[in-house]
Protein backbone atom coordinates (compact mmCIF):
# COMPACT_ATOMS: atom_id res chain seq x y z
CA MET A 1 118.83 88.66 121.94
CA ARG A 2 121.44 88.61 119.21
CA ILE A 3 119.92 90.51 116.30
CA LEU A 4 121.30 90.83 112.79
CA VAL A 5 120.18 93.96 110.91
CA LEU A 6 120.59 93.71 107.12
CA GLY A 7 121.36 97.13 105.71
CA ALA A 8 123.13 100.25 107.03
CA GLY A 9 121.09 102.96 105.42
CA VAL A 10 119.09 105.42 107.49
CA VAL A 11 116.41 102.77 108.26
CA GLY A 12 118.86 100.02 109.18
CA THR A 13 121.02 102.30 111.32
CA THR A 14 118.11 103.73 113.29
CA THR A 15 116.79 100.20 113.72
CA ALA A 16 120.15 99.19 115.22
CA TRP A 17 120.07 102.17 117.58
CA PHE A 18 116.61 101.47 118.97
CA LEU A 19 117.33 97.74 119.32
CA GLN A 20 120.57 98.25 121.27
CA LYS A 21 118.77 100.70 123.53
CA GLN A 22 116.58 97.79 124.61
CA GLY A 23 119.59 95.74 125.50
CA HIS A 24 120.02 93.55 122.41
CA GLN A 25 123.37 92.58 120.94
CA VAL A 26 123.18 94.02 117.44
CA THR A 27 125.26 93.46 114.29
CA VAL A 28 124.61 95.42 111.08
CA VAL A 29 125.69 94.09 107.66
CA ASP A 30 126.11 96.17 104.51
CA ARG A 31 127.90 95.79 101.20
CA GLN A 32 129.12 99.42 101.26
CA SER A 33 132.23 100.69 103.03
CA GLY A 34 130.23 102.79 105.54
CA ALA A 35 126.71 103.77 106.64
CA GLY A 36 124.30 105.73 104.51
CA LEU A 37 126.10 105.34 101.16
CA GLU A 38 123.23 104.21 98.91
CA THR A 39 119.66 105.60 98.94
CA SER A 40 120.41 107.66 102.05
CA TYR A 41 123.46 109.30 100.40
CA ALA A 42 121.95 112.40 98.69
CA ASN A 43 118.20 112.38 99.14
CA GLY A 44 115.87 115.33 99.35
CA GLY A 45 116.65 116.06 102.97
CA GLN A 46 113.08 116.57 104.19
CA ILE A 47 111.43 115.36 107.39
CA SER A 48 108.05 115.82 105.75
CA VAL A 49 104.89 114.67 107.55
CA SER A 50 103.13 116.93 105.05
CA HIS A 51 104.39 114.91 102.10
CA ALA A 52 101.83 112.21 102.76
CA GLU A 53 99.77 112.14 99.57
CA PRO A 54 100.64 108.81 97.90
CA TRP A 55 101.67 108.63 94.29
CA ALA A 56 98.73 106.31 93.81
CA ASN A 57 95.71 108.62 93.79
CA PRO A 58 92.73 109.13 91.41
CA SER A 59 94.65 111.57 89.18
CA ALA A 60 97.72 109.39 88.78
CA PRO A 61 96.77 106.96 85.96
CA LEU A 62 96.07 109.75 83.45
CA LYS A 63 99.28 111.58 84.40
CA VAL A 64 101.41 108.44 84.02
CA LEU A 65 99.91 107.82 80.53
CA LYS A 66 100.61 111.45 79.56
CA TRP A 67 104.22 111.18 80.77
CA LEU A 68 104.89 107.72 79.27
CA PHE A 69 107.02 108.94 76.35
CA GLN A 70 108.36 112.07 78.05
CA SER A 71 111.97 111.43 79.08
CA ASP A 72 112.02 114.21 81.67
CA ALA A 73 108.60 113.43 83.14
CA PRO A 74 108.23 113.73 86.95
CA LEU A 75 107.04 110.10 87.14
CA LEU A 76 108.34 107.90 84.32
CA PHE A 77 107.27 104.26 83.78
CA ARG A 78 109.57 102.40 81.44
CA PRO A 79 107.94 99.04 80.65
CA ARG A 80 110.26 96.08 80.89
CA LEU A 81 109.98 92.30 80.49
CA ASP A 82 109.96 92.07 84.24
CA PRO A 83 107.06 90.28 86.02
CA ALA A 84 107.82 92.11 89.29
CA GLN A 85 107.47 95.50 87.55
CA TRP A 86 104.09 94.57 86.03
CA ARG A 87 102.79 93.08 89.24
CA TRP A 88 103.79 96.31 91.01
CA ALA A 89 102.16 98.45 88.31
CA LEU A 90 98.84 96.55 88.57
CA ALA A 91 98.91 96.87 92.34
CA PHE A 92 99.62 100.57 91.96
CA LEU A 93 96.56 101.03 89.77
CA ALA A 94 94.43 99.21 92.36
CA GLU A 95 95.55 101.81 94.96
CA CYS A 96 94.40 104.73 92.82
CA THR A 97 90.93 105.10 94.37
CA SER A 98 89.84 107.91 96.63
CA ALA A 99 89.13 105.57 99.52
CA LYS A 100 92.49 103.81 99.31
CA ALA A 101 94.37 107.10 98.90
CA ALA A 102 92.68 108.43 102.05
CA HIS A 103 93.54 105.29 104.00
CA ASN A 104 97.20 105.51 102.87
CA ILE A 105 97.39 109.21 103.81
CA ARG A 106 96.24 108.23 107.31
CA GLN A 107 98.97 105.59 107.57
CA MET A 108 101.70 107.96 106.44
CA VAL A 109 100.61 110.95 108.55
CA ASN A 110 100.34 108.82 111.71
CA LEU A 111 103.75 107.22 111.13
CA GLY A 112 105.33 110.53 110.02
CA THR A 113 104.16 112.48 113.06
CA TYR A 114 105.37 109.74 115.42
CA SER A 115 108.65 109.46 113.60
CA ARG A 116 109.35 113.18 113.70
CA SER A 117 108.87 113.27 117.47
CA GLN A 118 111.24 110.25 117.83
CA LEU A 119 113.84 112.04 115.69
CA GLN A 120 113.51 115.20 117.80
CA ALA A 121 113.92 113.25 121.03
CA LEU A 122 116.94 111.34 119.61
CA ARG A 123 118.57 114.55 118.47
CA ALA A 124 118.10 116.12 121.87
CA GLU A 125 119.45 112.98 123.61
CA LEU A 126 122.61 112.68 121.49
CA GLY A 127 123.21 116.24 120.38
CA LEU A 128 123.44 115.21 116.72
CA ASP A 129 124.32 117.81 114.08
CA TYR A 130 123.40 117.13 110.47
CA ASP A 131 122.73 120.58 108.97
CA GLN A 132 119.19 120.40 110.34
CA LEU A 133 116.77 123.27 110.03
CA GLU A 134 113.44 123.56 111.84
CA LYS A 135 111.88 126.08 109.51
CA GLY A 136 108.97 124.02 108.14
CA ILE A 137 108.16 122.84 104.65
CA LEU A 138 106.38 125.01 102.07
CA HIS A 139 104.56 123.32 99.11
CA PHE A 140 104.18 125.80 96.22
CA TYR A 141 102.11 125.35 93.06
CA THR A 142 102.49 127.21 89.74
CA ASN A 143 99.70 125.20 88.13
CA PRO A 144 96.17 126.14 89.44
CA GLU A 145 94.90 122.62 88.71
CA GLU A 146 97.68 121.06 90.76
CA PHE A 147 96.87 123.43 93.66
CA ASP A 148 93.19 122.65 93.48
CA GLY A 149 94.00 118.92 93.48
CA ALA A 150 96.08 119.33 96.62
CA LEU A 151 93.28 120.84 98.70
CA ALA A 152 91.37 117.65 99.53
CA PRO A 153 94.44 115.65 100.61
CA THR A 154 95.58 118.66 102.66
CA ARG A 155 92.29 118.73 104.52
CA ILE A 156 92.59 114.99 105.24
CA MET A 157 96.02 115.64 106.70
CA GLN A 158 94.65 118.52 108.78
CA ASP A 159 91.99 116.22 110.20
CA LEU A 160 94.73 113.81 111.20
CA GLY A 161 96.58 116.49 113.17
CA CYS A 162 99.09 117.58 110.53
CA ASP A 163 99.06 121.41 110.68
CA ARG A 164 99.39 121.98 106.94
CA GLN A 165 98.04 125.52 106.34
CA ILE A 166 96.64 126.59 103.04
CA ILE A 167 98.16 129.98 102.07
CA ASP A 168 98.38 132.39 99.14
CA ALA A 169 101.34 133.66 97.11
CA ASN A 170 101.88 136.72 99.30
CA ARG A 171 102.16 134.55 102.46
CA ALA A 172 104.40 132.08 100.63
CA VAL A 173 106.90 134.77 99.71
CA GLU A 174 106.68 136.30 103.15
CA LEU A 175 107.72 132.92 104.60
CA GLU A 176 110.39 132.31 101.97
CA PRO A 177 111.58 135.42 100.07
CA ALA A 178 113.62 133.29 97.69
CA LEU A 179 110.28 132.59 95.91
CA ALA A 180 109.89 136.28 95.00
CA PRO A 181 111.03 135.81 91.35
CA ILE A 182 107.99 133.58 90.65
CA LYS A 183 105.47 135.23 92.99
CA ASP A 184 103.15 136.21 90.16
CA ARG A 185 103.08 132.56 89.00
CA ILE A 186 102.27 130.96 92.31
CA ALA A 187 98.63 129.76 92.22
CA GLY A 188 98.63 128.82 95.90
CA ALA A 189 100.72 127.08 98.52
CA THR A 190 100.65 125.16 101.81
CA TYR A 191 102.91 125.47 104.82
CA THR A 192 103.66 123.00 107.63
CA SER A 193 105.67 124.75 110.30
CA GLU A 194 106.52 121.65 112.30
CA ASP A 195 108.28 119.86 109.45
CA GLU A 196 112.07 119.93 109.19
CA SER A 197 115.03 119.30 106.89
CA GLY A 198 118.54 117.96 107.24
CA ASP A 199 121.28 115.83 105.64
CA ALA A 200 120.19 112.15 105.93
CA ARG A 201 123.71 110.89 105.15
CA LYS A 202 125.31 113.04 107.88
CA PHE A 203 122.62 111.91 110.33
CA THR A 204 123.07 108.22 109.43
CA GLN A 205 126.83 108.33 109.75
CA ALA A 206 126.73 110.29 113.03
CA LEU A 207 124.22 107.81 114.48
CA ALA A 208 126.26 104.80 113.23
CA LYS A 209 129.20 106.17 115.22
CA ARG A 210 127.07 106.45 118.33
CA CYS A 211 125.81 102.90 117.71
CA GLU A 212 129.39 101.62 117.60
CA GLU A 213 130.21 103.47 120.82
CA ALA A 214 127.19 101.68 122.38
CA GLY A 215 128.42 98.28 121.28
CA VAL A 216 126.77 97.71 117.93
CA GLU A 217 129.06 95.90 115.44
CA PHE A 218 129.01 97.03 111.78
CA ARG A 219 130.27 94.63 109.12
CA TYR A 220 130.85 96.74 106.04
CA ASP A 221 132.07 95.59 102.59
CA THR A 222 130.02 92.45 103.10
CA ASP A 223 127.70 91.05 100.42
CA ILE A 224 124.52 89.30 101.60
CA LEU A 225 123.98 86.19 99.47
CA GLY A 226 121.01 84.45 101.03
CA PHE A 227 119.45 82.66 104.00
CA ASP A 228 119.76 79.34 105.73
CA GLN A 229 116.32 78.24 106.91
CA ALA A 230 114.52 75.34 108.57
CA GLY A 231 110.72 75.31 108.86
CA ASP A 232 109.49 78.73 109.95
CA ARG A 233 112.84 79.96 111.24
CA VAL A 234 115.85 81.67 109.66
CA LEU A 235 119.04 79.89 110.83
CA GLY A 236 121.61 82.23 109.35
CA VAL A 237 122.62 84.65 106.62
CA GLN A 238 125.23 83.68 104.06
CA THR A 239 127.70 86.45 103.37
CA LEU A 240 130.81 87.12 101.26
CA ARG A 241 133.57 89.51 102.29
CA GLU A 242 136.89 89.79 100.42
CA GLY A 243 136.31 86.40 98.90
CA HIS A 244 135.61 84.76 102.25
CA HIS A 245 132.25 83.04 102.77
CA GLU A 246 130.69 83.15 106.24
CA THR A 247 127.29 82.33 107.69
CA LEU A 248 126.24 84.89 110.29
CA ARG A 249 123.86 83.58 112.92
CA ALA A 250 121.59 85.40 115.34
CA ASP A 251 118.33 84.89 117.33
CA SER A 252 116.44 87.31 115.09
CA TYR A 253 116.94 89.10 111.79
CA VAL A 254 115.66 92.43 110.43
CA LEU A 255 115.42 93.09 106.68
CA CYS A 256 116.31 96.74 105.92
CA LEU A 257 117.74 96.44 102.41
CA GLY A 258 115.51 98.98 100.63
CA SER A 259 114.77 98.02 97.06
CA PHE A 260 116.85 94.87 97.36
CA SER A 261 114.68 93.55 100.17
CA ALA A 262 112.21 92.13 97.62
CA ILE A 263 114.94 90.12 95.86
CA LEU A 264 116.30 88.59 99.03
CA ALA A 265 112.84 87.93 100.48
CA ARG A 266 111.93 85.86 97.38
CA GLN A 267 114.54 83.33 98.47
CA LEU A 268 112.32 82.61 101.48
CA GLY A 269 109.09 82.51 99.46
CA ILE A 270 108.07 85.96 100.71
CA THR A 271 106.57 88.35 98.16
CA LEU A 272 107.17 91.98 98.95
CA ASP A 273 105.55 94.53 96.59
CA ILE A 274 108.61 96.69 96.47
CA TYR A 275 110.04 98.03 93.21
CA PRO A 276 112.94 100.51 92.77
CA ALA A 277 111.86 104.07 91.93
CA LYS A 278 115.01 105.72 90.69
CA GLY A 279 115.23 109.22 92.09
CA TYR A 280 117.64 111.97 91.16
CA SER A 281 119.20 114.84 93.05
CA ILE A 282 121.48 117.81 92.46
CA THR A 283 123.68 119.42 95.09
CA VAL A 284 125.06 122.88 94.39
CA PRO A 285 126.89 125.55 96.37
CA VAL A 286 124.98 128.65 97.46
CA LYS A 287 125.66 131.49 95.03
CA ASN A 288 123.83 134.41 96.56
CA GLU A 289 122.96 134.13 100.25
CA GLU A 290 120.14 136.66 99.91
CA ALA A 291 118.50 134.78 97.07
CA ALA A 292 118.94 131.28 98.54
CA PHE A 293 116.07 129.57 100.36
CA LYS A 294 116.18 128.48 103.98
CA VAL A 295 112.63 127.05 104.31
CA SER A 296 112.47 123.58 102.78
CA LEU A 297 110.29 123.63 99.63
CA THR A 298 108.22 121.19 97.64
CA ASP A 299 107.39 121.84 93.97
CA ASP A 300 104.53 119.34 93.71
CA GLU A 301 103.87 119.80 89.99
CA TYR A 302 107.47 118.77 89.14
CA LYS A 303 107.80 116.31 92.04
CA LEU A 304 110.85 118.16 93.41
CA VAL A 305 111.89 118.98 96.93
CA TYR A 306 114.45 121.63 97.96
CA SER A 307 116.48 121.61 101.17
CA ARG A 308 119.16 123.94 102.51
CA LEU A 309 122.12 121.97 103.90
CA GLY A 310 124.52 124.52 105.30
CA ASP A 311 126.25 126.23 102.41
CA ARG A 312 124.77 123.70 99.92
CA LEU A 313 121.40 123.48 98.16
CA ARG A 314 119.91 120.04 97.59
CA VAL A 315 117.15 119.58 95.04
CA ALA A 316 115.77 116.07 94.58
CA GLY A 317 112.85 114.24 93.10
CA THR A 318 111.24 112.63 90.10
CA ALA A 319 110.81 108.87 89.85
CA GLU A 320 111.81 106.43 87.14
CA LEU A 321 110.42 102.90 87.26
CA SER A 322 112.98 101.19 85.03
CA GLY A 323 114.57 98.36 87.04
CA TYR A 324 117.66 98.32 89.25
CA SER A 325 120.07 100.28 87.06
CA ARG A 326 121.60 103.34 88.77
CA LYS A 327 122.93 104.80 85.54
CA LEU A 328 122.44 108.58 85.45
CA ASN A 329 119.96 109.90 82.88
CA LEU A 330 121.42 113.32 82.09
CA THR A 331 118.13 114.50 80.52
CA ARG A 332 116.43 114.08 83.91
CA CYS A 333 119.34 115.68 85.75
CA ARG A 334 119.27 118.73 83.49
CA ALA A 335 115.47 118.98 83.88
CA ILE A 336 115.99 119.44 87.63
CA VAL A 337 118.61 122.10 87.05
CA ARG A 338 116.42 123.83 84.49
CA ARG A 339 113.35 123.99 86.74
CA THR A 340 115.30 125.06 89.82
CA ALA A 341 117.14 127.82 87.98
CA GLU A 342 113.80 129.03 86.64
CA VAL A 343 112.29 129.21 90.14
CA MET A 344 115.25 130.96 91.84
CA PRO A 345 117.90 131.91 89.27
CA GLU A 346 120.40 133.53 91.70
CA ALA A 347 120.16 131.10 94.57
CA GLY A 348 122.72 128.51 93.57
CA ASP A 349 125.68 128.04 91.22
CA TRP A 350 123.65 125.83 88.93
CA ASP A 351 126.57 125.27 86.52
CA ARG A 352 128.37 123.35 89.34
CA ALA A 353 125.58 120.92 90.03
CA GLU A 354 126.66 117.55 91.39
CA PHE A 355 124.36 114.84 90.05
CA TRP A 356 123.31 111.73 91.96
CA THR A 357 120.78 108.94 91.61
CA GLY A 358 119.46 106.31 94.04
CA LEU A 359 116.86 103.56 94.14
CA ARG A 360 113.94 104.32 96.45
CA PRO A 361 112.15 101.20 97.65
CA ALA A 362 108.58 102.02 96.57
CA THR A 363 105.45 100.12 97.45
CA PRO A 364 102.30 100.64 95.32
CA SER A 365 100.57 102.34 98.24
CA ASN A 366 103.67 104.23 99.47
CA VAL A 367 103.08 102.55 102.86
CA PRO A 368 106.13 100.60 104.11
CA TYR A 369 106.40 97.07 105.50
CA ILE A 370 107.12 97.29 109.23
CA GLY A 371 106.64 94.29 111.50
CA LYS A 372 106.88 90.50 111.51
CA SER A 373 107.15 88.27 108.50
CA HIS A 374 105.61 84.78 108.51
CA PHE A 375 109.00 83.46 109.68
CA ALA A 376 109.14 83.34 113.47
CA ASN A 377 112.37 85.29 113.74
CA LEU A 378 112.47 87.49 110.63
CA TYR A 379 111.24 91.06 110.83
CA LEU A 380 110.65 93.69 108.12
CA ASN A 381 111.53 97.39 108.10
CA THR A 382 111.61 98.28 104.39
CA GLY A 383 109.67 99.73 101.46
CA HIS A 384 109.67 103.38 102.67
CA GLY A 385 109.88 104.89 99.15
CA THR A 386 110.59 108.62 99.20
CA LEU A 387 109.97 108.85 102.96
CA GLY A 388 112.73 106.68 104.43
CA TRP A 389 114.37 109.66 106.10
CA THR A 390 111.03 110.95 107.36
CA HIS A 391 109.83 107.62 108.74
CA SER A 392 113.13 106.06 109.85
CA CYS A 393 113.10 106.86 113.56
CA GLY A 394 109.45 106.01 114.03
CA SER A 395 109.72 102.76 112.08
CA ALA A 396 112.75 101.72 114.12
CA ALA A 397 111.16 102.60 117.45
CA ALA A 398 107.95 100.74 116.54
CA LEU A 399 109.84 97.67 115.31
CA ALA A 400 111.90 97.51 118.51
CA ASP A 401 108.62 97.47 120.43
CA ILE A 402 107.25 94.70 118.19
CA ILE A 403 110.35 92.54 118.68
CA ALA A 404 109.97 93.11 122.45
CA ARG A 405 106.26 92.01 122.09
CA ARG A 406 105.03 95.43 123.10
CA LYS A 407 102.29 97.37 121.27
CA PRO A 408 103.84 100.28 119.34
CA GLU A 409 102.76 103.79 120.30
CA VAL A 410 101.55 104.66 116.80
CA ASP A 411 98.31 103.75 115.00
CA PHE A 412 99.63 101.95 111.91
CA SER A 413 98.88 98.77 110.00
CA PHE A 414 101.95 96.76 110.95
CA ALA A 415 102.88 93.62 109.04
CA GLY A 416 101.94 90.38 110.83
CA MET A 417 99.62 92.14 113.32
């Protein structure tokens, strides 16, 4: 088939790769000048099956209320006169039960485990280099209550086959000596040896190059305006490039536009519970090699993740539900620098931090939309939230199977199935 993929982030690019592997003629459309230049640009860098506890859990409502007027809060909800935001917020509250949280953990662990194996196979096949490290992910807790709260979700993950070990401060520092400055403050930790890290942008751009070599066409600098439709079929996508309008036609279409998927889908009468969760990151050069971490870290209390990318340190996290603005909030940027410098003062040149923000496409449950829409030839691969990098290869492989009318190899609640 001729398939049009909308979006050239890590999810759209991996989708294009797996579709062309099955013999389809694939075109990818994106408004940016290259692949991986929006949400995939400077994310946290983790391939984290162990990061499967959804934001919506029984402890979340009280935390959100506590953080409501705290400008540097890990999760900040800024109320707006926006029906989509309030609909999302109400759906989020409905997901905050123990039963629903456990169900969503199952979805994310299953998809994450499958996706990690697909990434590893793809890396071996193509010899991709993206500053990847296979040193695991270590979650550390400096608040005893946060550590206690992580034990039940960790055991659910263990039951699902995610080897997330519960460890003490001594073992945490043994695994990652860079945590030595705060050893006495670590209440507990977990470690998942099979998890990985790497630069999502480098991966996306390297894979886009391989896609082009395999015959995939990328149309960059192209705005997507809307759809032509008739009955239950999409007939084309209206685009604008350098002032020139064009309708691109294909046999099937895949929506991979992250936070903007919901806006475009509304034109077709499709309601996707996706809202942008603005995330922040800092990237700094390594200052002291001996003090810098190599194991990827997660600071759950502050909702931060740390990844080593060659001679750079990437620290990313927090979430701000405040609409589609990508304006930097320097208070939140400085809060990341402050916390990271407190944890490992000599690791990076914190005064040279490069700030970035991107819009993560969050669903209330943290579970993405993957599968068929109610249009016969429109498919969804969107809403991955903070785990787009983690879930990209598995989502793409599964969607390629769905389009080929094959049952995917992973146990997951796919859309339209």
